[in-house]
Amino acid sequence: MTPGPPGPGGPGDAAAPGTGTASDRLPAVAPQLRELRRRAGLTLEAAAARARLSPAHLSRLETGRRQPSLPLLLGLARTYGTTVSELLGETPAVADPIVRAGGPGAREADGWTYWQAGGSGRGMQALRVHVPHGRSQGELVRVHPGEEWLYVLKGRLRLHLAEAEYLLEPGDSAHFDSLTPHRIAAAGSGGADLLFVHTLLQSSLAGLCLGGGPGAATTHHRP
């Protein structure tokens, strides 16, 4: 994310009104900043820490006493898992509600393969996932904001929720709070296929729970 200044007068501040810089011509973003922070369930202090700003500086942005520079807008958009367009209050085009077979191609991360099964830019992410047997993600415990729902299409899936362990067969499903420490793994040599839906909440839109990568979720190896 784009670092911001520790306080007023740093490089992330827009110039004072009347200096003629591009940032002076940006629409007022204060209402969007405040609403996105509240929607993410973040306090002013927590959001400022994520954006590498001081709480006082973020407060000035939210109340309109400061206009952010373009680099700072990019950093704030990443912090709230949104786009600069939404920060500027632009109305997005109506999303196509249909995801056709043969649409977005498969993506792979740490041996897991997943296909987009829902529209992009939503507060809920739907995926079709293949979980291979014996790959490293089965050893990762995940804890992050949101809810998850999964439905086993094929194969057998082992689900760990806190201290409990469940074996799911085709047709079985699970729905749980993502703040519960959890991990899943294929229980058979052929792997498992499932439908997977989760709410993003404080997670970045690019930080899918399945898909690894730094910042995707709070993870640690199984003790």
C-alpha atoms as a PDB file:
ATOM      1  CA  MET A   1       0.000   0.000   0.000  1.00  0.00           C
ATOM      2  CA  THR A   2       1.088   3.549  -0.563  1.00  0.00           C
ATOM      3  CA  PRO A   3       2.685   5.024   2.546  1.00  0.00           C
ATOM      4  CA  GLY A   4       1.227   8.276   3.717  1.00  0.00           C
ATOM      5  CA  PRO A   5       2.702  10.975   5.886  1.00  0.00           C
ATOM      6  CA  PRO A   6       2.861  10.615   9.662  1.00  0.00           C
ATOM      7  CA  GLY A   7       0.889  13.819  10.041  1.00  0.00           C
ATOM      8  CA  PRO A   8      -0.036  17.069   8.353  1.00  0.00           C
ATOM      9  CA  GLY A   9       2.374  18.714   6.010  1.00  0.00           C
ATOM     10  CA  GLY A  10       3.827  15.428   4.696  1.00  0.00           C
ATOM     11  CA  PRO A  11       4.129  14.420   1.054  1.00  0.00           C
ATOM     12  CA  GLY A  12       0.662  12.801   1.061  1.00  0.00           C
ATOM     13  CA  ASP A  13      -1.087  16.124   1.724  1.00  0.00           C
ATOM     14  CA  ALA A  14      -2.688  17.968  -1.134  1.00  0.00           C
ATOM     15  CA  ALA A  15      -1.464  21.475  -1.702  1.00  0.00           C
ATOM     16  CA  ALA A  16      -3.375  24.334  -0.130  1.00  0.00           C
ATOM     17  CA  PRO A  17      -6.415  25.572  -2.055  1.00  0.00           C
ATOM     18  CA  GLY A  18      -5.608  27.967  -4.826  1.00  0.00           C
ATOM     19  CA  THR A  19      -2.205  26.529  -5.722  1.00  0.00           C
ATOM     20  CA  GLY A  20      -3.586  25.055  -8.923  1.00  0.00           C
ATOM     21  CA  THR A  21      -2.506  21.425  -8.436  1.00  0.00           C
ATOM     22  CA  ALA A  22      -4.465  18.474  -9.813  1.00  0.00           C
ATOM     23  CA  SER A  23      -5.494  17.412  -6.306  1.00  0.00           C
ATOM     24  CA  ASP A  24      -7.411  20.699  -5.868  1.00  0.00           C
ATOM     25  CA  ARG A  25      -9.686  19.593  -8.679  1.00  0.00           C
ATOM     26  CA  LEU A  26     -10.580  16.239  -7.094  1.00  0.00           C
ATOM     27  CA  PRO A  27     -14.198  15.851  -5.913  1.00  0.00           C
ATOM     28  CA  ALA A  28     -14.779  15.888  -2.168  1.00  0.00           C
ATOM     29  CA  VAL A  29     -14.057  12.372  -0.891  1.00  0.00           C
ATOM     30  CA  ALA A  30     -14.744  12.881   2.819  1.00  0.00           C
ATOM     31  CA  PRO A  31     -18.202  11.197   2.878  1.00  0.00           C
ATOM     32  CA  GLN A  32     -16.938   8.161   0.956  1.00  0.00           C
ATOM     33  CA  LEU A  33     -13.884   7.761   3.188  1.00  0.00           C
ATOM     34  CA  ARG A  34     -15.957   7.824   6.343  1.00  0.00           C
ATOM     35  CA  GLU A  35     -18.599   5.439   4.947  1.00  0.00           C
ATOM     36  CA  LEU A  36     -16.046   2.923   3.640  1.00  0.00           C
ATOM     37  CA  ARG A  37     -14.232   2.869   6.977  1.00  0.00           C
ATOM     38  CA  ARG A  38     -17.473   2.271   8.868  1.00  0.00           C
ATOM     39  CA  ARG A  39     -18.542  -0.394   6.382  1.00  0.00           C
ATOM     40  CA  ALA A  40     -15.234  -2.166   6.992  1.00  0.00           C
ATOM     41  CA  GLY A  41     -15.861  -2.052  10.759  1.00  0.00           C
ATOM     42  CA  LEU A  42     -12.621  -0.181  11.428  1.00  0.00           C
ATOM     43  CA  THR A  43     -11.977   2.435  14.067  1.00  0.00           C
ATOM     44  CA  LEU A  44     -10.237   5.627  13.007  1.00  0.00           C
ATOM     45  CA  GLU A  45      -7.054   4.420  14.700  1.00  0.00           C
ATOM     46  CA  ALA A  46      -7.143   0.966  13.053  1.00  0.00           C
ATOM     47  CA  ALA A  47      -7.800   2.379   9.582  1.00  0.00           C
ATOM     48  CA  ALA A  48      -5.051   4.972   9.989  1.00  0.00           C
ATOM     49  CA  ALA A  49      -2.568   2.270  10.998  1.00  0.00           C
ATOM     50  CA  ARG A  50      -3.438   0.202   7.914  1.00  0.00           C
ATOM     51  CA  ALA A  51      -3.051   3.218   5.641  1.00  0.00           C
ATOM     52  CA  ARG A  52       0.158   4.294   7.431  1.00  0.00           C
ATOM     53  CA  LEU A  53      -1.350   7.625   8.427  1.00  0.00           C
ATOM     54  CA  SER A  54      -1.794   9.331  11.759  1.00  0.00           C
ATOM     55  CA  PRO A  55      -5.375   9.202  13.124  1.00  0.00           C
ATOM     56  CA  ALA A  56      -5.418  13.005  13.115  1.00  0.00           C
ATOM     57  CA  HIS A  57      -4.502  13.123   9.428  1.00  0.00           C
ATOM     58  CA  LEU A  58      -7.167  10.565   8.487  1.00  0.00           C
ATOM     59  CA  SER A  59      -9.720  12.499  10.540  1.00  0.00           C
ATOM     60  CA  ARG A  60      -8.919  15.654   8.564  1.00  0.00           C
ATOM     61  CA  LEU A  61      -9.445  13.722   5.323  1.00  0.00           C
ATOM     62  CA  GLU A  62     -12.791  12.354   6.532  1.00  0.00           C
ATOM     63  CA  THR A  63     -14.039  15.783   7.589  1.00  0.00           C
ATOM     64  CA  GLY A  64     -12.959  17.481   4.377  1.00  0.00           C
ATOM     65  CA  ARG A  65     -10.340  19.688   5.996  1.00  0.00           C
ATOM     66  CA  ARG A  66      -7.735  18.035   3.774  1.00  0.00           C
ATOM     67  CA  GLN A  67      -7.950  16.725   0.213  1.00  0.00           C
ATOM     68  CA  PRO A  68      -5.857  13.594  -0.433  1.00  0.00           C
ATOM     69  CA  SER A  69      -3.249  13.470  -3.146  1.00  0.00           C
ATOM     70  CA  LEU A  70      -3.636  10.900  -5.919  1.00  0.00           C
ATOM     71  CA  PRO A  71      -1.007   8.528  -4.418  1.00  0.00           C
ATOM     72  CA  LEU A  72      -2.794   8.735  -1.071  1.00  0.00           C
ATOM     73  CA  LEU A  73      -6.105   7.913  -2.775  1.00  0.00           C
ATOM     74  CA  LEU A  74      -4.546   4.747  -4.174  1.00  0.00           C
ATOM     75  CA  GLY A  75      -3.326   3.742  -0.723  1.00  0.00           C
ATOM     76  CA  LEU A  76      -6.731   4.382   0.862  1.00  0.00           C
ATOM     77  CA  ALA A  77      -8.463   2.395  -1.883  1.00  0.00           C
ATOM     78  CA  ARG A  78      -6.226  -0.587  -1.108  1.00  0.00           C
ATOM     79  CA  THR A  79      -6.865  -0.183   2.613  1.00  0.00           C
ATOM     80  CA  TYR A  80     -10.641  -0.413   2.145  1.00  0.00           C
ATOM     81  CA  GLY A  81     -10.555  -3.023  -0.622  1.00  0.00           C
ATOM     82  CA  THR A  82     -12.157  -0.742  -3.181  1.00  0.00           C
ATOM     83  CA  THR A  83     -11.311   1.428  -6.171  1.00  0.00           C
ATOM     84  CA  VAL A  84     -10.374   5.054  -6.570  1.00  0.00           C
ATOM     85  CA  SER A  85     -13.581   5.459  -8.583  1.00  0.00           C
ATOM     86  CA  GLU A  86     -15.671   4.473  -5.559  1.00  0.00           C
ATOM     87  CA  LEU A  87     -13.662   6.787  -3.323  1.00  0.00           C
ATOM     88  CA  LEU A  88     -14.458   9.620  -5.700  1.00  0.00           C
ATOM     89  CA  GLY A  89     -18.161   8.746  -5.610  1.00  0.00           C
ATOM     90  CA  GLU A  90     -18.365   7.719  -9.246  1.00  0.00           C
ATOM     91  CA  THR A  91     -21.326   5.510 -10.142  1.00  0.00           C
ATOM     92  CA  PRO A  92     -20.097   2.141 -11.426  1.00  0.00           C
ATOM     93  CA  ALA A  93     -21.603   0.457 -14.447  1.00  0.00           C
ATOM     94  CA  VAL A  94     -24.276  -2.136 -13.694  1.00  0.00           C
ATOM     95  CA  ALA A  95     -22.537  -5.480 -13.261  1.00  0.00           C
ATOM     96  CA  ASP A  96     -23.602  -8.433 -15.398  1.00  0.00           C
ATOM     97  CA  PRO A  97     -25.384 -10.823 -12.992  1.00  0.00           C
ATOM     98  CA  ILE A  98     -24.557 -13.898 -15.118  1.00  0.00           C
ATOM     99  CA  VAL A  99     -21.250 -15.776 -15.043  1.00  0.00           C
ATOM    100  CA  ARG A 100     -21.151 -18.077 -18.071  1.00  0.00           C
ATOM    101  CA  ALA A 101     -19.480 -21.464 -18.239  1.00  0.00           C
ATOM    102  CA  GLY A 102     -16.135 -21.070 -19.927  1.00  0.00           C
ATOM    103  CA  GLY A 103     -15.865 -17.503 -18.643  1.00  0.00           C
ATOM    104  CA  PRO A 104     -12.922 -16.410 -16.467  1.00  0.00           C
ATOM    105  CA  GLY A 105     -10.217 -19.058 -16.593  1.00  0.00           C
ATOM    106  CA  ALA A 106      -8.814 -21.155 -13.790  1.00  0.00           C
ATOM    107  CA  ARG A 107      -6.276 -19.664 -11.408  1.00  0.00           C
ATOM    108  CA  GLU A 108      -3.868 -21.632  -9.255  1.00  0.00           C
ATOM    109  CA  ALA A 109      -2.238 -20.767  -5.947  1.00  0.00           C
ATOM    110  CA  ASP A 110      -0.199 -23.126  -3.795  1.00  0.00           C
ATOM    111  CA  GLY A 111      -1.565 -26.084  -5.742  1.00  0.00           C
ATOM    112  CA  TRP A 112      -5.221 -25.132  -5.290  1.00  0.00           C
ATOM    113  CA  THR A 113      -7.229 -24.327  -8.418  1.00  0.00           C
ATOM    114  CA  TYR A 114     -10.220 -22.019  -8.407  1.00  0.00           C
ATOM    115  CA  TRP A 115     -12.659 -20.528 -10.886  1.00  0.00           C
ATOM    116  CA  GLN A 116     -14.694 -17.375 -10.406  1.00  0.00           C
ATOM    117  CA  ALA A 117     -18.365 -18.281  -9.907  1.00  0.00           C
ATOM    118  CA  GLY A 118     -19.711 -14.832  -9.054  1.00  0.00           C
ATOM    119  CA  GLY A 119     -19.458 -11.230 -10.172  1.00  0.00           C
ATOM    120  CA  SER A 120     -16.458  -9.080  -9.352  1.00  0.00           C
ATOM    121  CA  GLY A 121     -16.568  -6.003  -7.152  1.00  0.00           C
ATOM    122  CA  ARG A 122     -19.130  -7.505  -4.772  1.00  0.00           C
ATOM    123  CA  GLY A 123     -19.093  -7.824  -1.004  1.00  0.00           C
ATOM    124  CA  MET A 124     -19.399 -11.600  -1.399  1.00  0.00           C
ATOM    125  CA  GLN A 125     -17.019 -13.795  -3.398  1.00  0.00           C
ATOM    126  CA  ALA A 126     -18.165 -17.070  -4.979  1.00  0.00           C
ATOM    127  CA  LEU A 127     -15.665 -19.615  -6.264  1.00  0.00           C
ATOM    128  CA  ARG A 128     -15.532 -23.148  -7.579  1.00  0.00           C
ATOM    129  CA  VAL A 129     -12.466 -24.777  -6.058  1.00  0.00           C
ATOM    130  CA  HIS A 130     -10.409 -27.923  -6.552  1.00  0.00           C
ATOM    131  CA  VAL A 131      -8.487 -28.899  -3.435  1.00  0.00           C
ATOM    132  CA  PRO A 132      -5.671 -31.348  -4.244  1.00  0.00           C
ATOM    133  CA  HIS A 133      -4.626 -34.017  -1.826  1.00  0.00           C
ATOM    134  CA  GLY A 134      -1.548 -33.512   0.307  1.00  0.00           C
ATOM    135  CA  ARG A 135      -0.700 -29.908  -0.626  1.00  0.00           C
ATOM    136  CA  SER A 136       0.672 -27.391   1.859  1.00  0.00           C
ATOM    137  CA  GLN A 137      -2.462 -25.254   2.235  1.00  0.00           C
ATOM    138  CA  GLY A 138      -4.029 -28.091   4.196  1.00  0.00           C
ATOM    139  CA  GLU A 139      -1.565 -27.221   6.967  1.00  0.00           C
ATOM    140  CA  LEU A 140      -2.594 -23.553   7.156  1.00  0.00           C
ATOM    141  CA  VAL A 141      -4.944 -22.282   9.828  1.00  0.00           C
ATOM    142  CA  ARG A 142      -6.865 -19.179   8.761  1.00  0.00           C
ATOM    143  CA  VAL A 143      -8.479 -16.445  10.859  1.00  0.00           C
ATOM    144  CA  HIS A 144     -10.017 -13.365   9.245  1.00  0.00           C
ATOM    145  CA  PRO A 145     -13.223 -11.310   9.327  1.00  0.00           C
ATOM    146  CA  GLY A 146     -16.305 -12.525   7.474  1.00  0.00           C
ATOM    147  CA  GLU A 147     -18.381 -15.641   6.937  1.00  0.00           C
ATOM    148  CA  GLU A 148     -17.757 -18.694   4.778  1.00  0.00           C
ATOM    149  CA  TRP A 149     -20.034 -21.257   3.189  1.00  0.00           C
ATOM    150  CA  LEU A 150     -18.861 -24.298   1.272  1.00  0.00           C
ATOM    151  CA  TYR A 151     -20.591 -27.184  -0.493  1.00  0.00           C
ATOM    152  CA  VAL A 152     -18.786 -30.386  -1.465  1.00  0.00           C
ATOM    153  CA  LEU A 153     -19.348 -31.359  -5.097  1.00  0.00           C
ATOM    154  CA  LYS A 154     -16.945 -34.264  -5.420  1.00  0.00           C
ATOM    155  CA  GLY A 155     -14.517 -36.139  -3.210  1.00  0.00           C
ATOM    156  CA  ARG A 156     -14.223 -35.926   0.559  1.00  0.00           C
ATOM    157  CA  LEU A 157     -13.198 -32.815   2.465  1.00  0.00           C
ATOM    158  CA  ARG A 158     -11.703 -32.526   5.941  1.00  0.00           C
ATOM    159  CA  LEU A 159     -12.765 -29.342   7.750  1.00  0.00           C
ATOM    160  CA  HIS A 160     -11.188 -28.177  11.007  1.00  0.00           C
ATOM    161  CA  LEU A 161     -13.056 -25.502  13.004  1.00  0.00           C
ATOM    162  CA  ALA A 162     -11.170 -24.521  16.153  1.00  0.00           C
ATOM    163  CA  GLU A 163     -10.690 -27.859  17.983  1.00  0.00           C
ATOM    164  CA  ALA A 164     -13.399 -29.742  16.067  1.00  0.00           C
ATOM    165  CA  GLU A 165     -12.803 -31.858  12.947  1.00  0.00           C
ATOM    166  CA  TYR A 166     -15.465 -32.796  10.359  1.00  0.00           C
ATOM    167  CA  LEU A 167     -15.404 -35.114   7.356  1.00  0.00           C
ATOM    168  CA  LEU A 168     -17.674 -33.834   4.576  1.00  0.00           C
ATOM    169  CA  GLU A 169     -19.016 -36.011   1.761  1.00  0.00           C
ATOM    170  CA  PRO A 170     -20.499 -34.869  -1.588  1.00  0.00           C
ATOM    171  CA  GLY A 171     -23.695 -32.928  -0.876  1.00  0.00           C
ATOM    172  CA  ASP A 172     -22.558 -31.832   2.582  1.00  0.00           C
ATOM    173  CA  SER A 173     -22.109 -28.135   3.316  1.00  0.00           C
ATOM    174  CA  ALA A 174     -20.720 -25.942   6.097  1.00  0.00           C
ATOM    175  CA  HIS A 175     -21.400 -22.321   7.105  1.00  0.00           C
ATOM    176  CA  PHE A 176     -19.201 -20.677   9.729  1.00  0.00           C
ATOM    177  CA  ASP A 177     -17.728 -17.450  11.069  1.00  0.00           C
ATOM    178  CA  SER A 178     -14.281 -16.869   9.556  1.00  0.00           C
ATOM    179  CA  LEU A 179     -12.949 -15.585  12.877  1.00  0.00           C
ATOM    180  CA  THR A 180     -13.109 -19.216  14.013  1.00  0.00           C
ATOM    181  CA  PRO A 181      -9.654 -20.698  13.289  1.00  0.00           C
ATOM    182  CA  HIS A 182     -10.206 -22.984  10.318  1.00  0.00           C
ATOM    183  CA  ARG A 183      -8.514 -25.047   7.654  1.00  0.00           C
ATOM    184  CA  ILE A 184      -9.650 -27.447   4.973  1.00  0.00           C
ATOM    185  CA  ALA A 185      -7.927 -30.302   3.180  1.00  0.00           C
ATOM    186  CA  ALA A 186      -8.856 -33.055   0.764  1.00  0.00           C
ATOM    187  CA  ALA A 187      -9.389 -36.353   2.559  1.00  0.00           C
ATOM    188  CA  GLY A 188      -8.902 -38.590  -0.487  1.00  0.00           C
ATOM    189  CA  SER A 189      -6.132 -39.099  -3.039  1.00  0.00           C
ATOM    190  CA  GLY A 190      -8.278 -37.645  -5.842  1.00  0.00           C
ATOM    191  CA  GLY A 191      -8.709 -34.312  -4.092  1.00  0.00           C
ATOM    192  CA  ALA A 192     -12.051 -32.573  -3.597  1.00  0.00           C
ATOM    193  CA  ASP A 193     -14.189 -30.135  -5.593  1.00  0.00           C
ATOM    194  CA  LEU A 194     -16.385 -27.607  -3.829  1.00  0.00           C
ATOM    195  CA  LEU A 195     -18.382 -24.444  -4.173  1.00  0.00           C
ATOM    196  CA  PHE A 196     -17.068 -21.763  -1.859  1.00  0.00           C
ATOM    197  CA  VAL A 197     -18.677 -18.456  -0.885  1.00  0.00           C
ATOM    198  CA  HIS A 198     -17.267 -15.906   1.523  1.00  0.00           C
ATOM    199  CA  THR A 199     -17.870 -12.321   2.534  1.00  0.00           C
ATOM    200  CA  LEU A 200     -14.850 -10.071   2.165  1.00  0.00           C
ATOM    201  CA  LEU A 201     -15.565  -7.504   4.877  1.00  0.00           C
ATOM    202  CA  GLN A 202     -12.111  -6.211   5.903  1.00  0.00           C
ATOM    203  CA  SER A 203     -10.274  -8.372   3.391  1.00  0.00           C
ATOM    204  CA  SER A 204      -8.986  -6.927   0.153  1.00  0.00           C
ATOM    205  CA  LEU A 205     -10.993  -7.800  -2.925  1.00  0.00           C
ATOM    206  CA  ALA A 206      -7.849  -9.364  -4.306  1.00  0.00           C
ATOM    207  CA  GLY A 207      -7.120 -11.238  -1.076  1.00  0.00           C
ATOM    208  CA  LEU A 208      -9.192 -14.365  -1.563  1.00  0.00           C
ATOM    209  CA  CYS A 209      -9.282 -16.779   1.325  1.00  0.00           C
ATOM    210  CA  LEU A 210      -8.311 -19.505  -1.116  1.00  0.00           C
ATOM    211  CA  GLY A 211      -5.408 -18.319  -3.145  1.00  0.00           C
ATOM    212  CA  GLY A 212      -2.634 -17.606  -0.702  1.00  0.00           C
ATOM    213  CA  GLY A 213      -0.294 -14.697  -1.052  1.00  0.00           C
ATOM    214  CA  PRO A 214       0.752 -12.175   1.545  1.00  0.00           C
ATOM    215  CA  GLY A 215      -2.163 -10.400   3.157  1.00  0.00           C
ATOM    216  CA  ALA A 216      -4.793 -12.779   1.811  1.00  0.00           C
ATOM    217  CA  ALA A 217      -5.725 -13.819   5.319  1.00  0.00           C
ATOM    218  CA  THR A 218      -4.213 -14.099   8.746  1.00  0.00           C
ATOM    219  CA  THR A 219      -2.649 -17.532   8.622  1.00  0.00           C
ATOM    220  CA  HIS A 220      -0.259 -19.665  10.572  1.00  0.00           C
ATOM    221  CA  HIS A 221       0.957 -23.222  10.326  1.00  0.00           C
ATOM    222  CA  ARG A 222      -0.755 -25.882  12.339  1.00  0.00           C
ATOM    223  CA  PRO A 223       0.885 -26.365  15.730  1.00  0.00           C
END
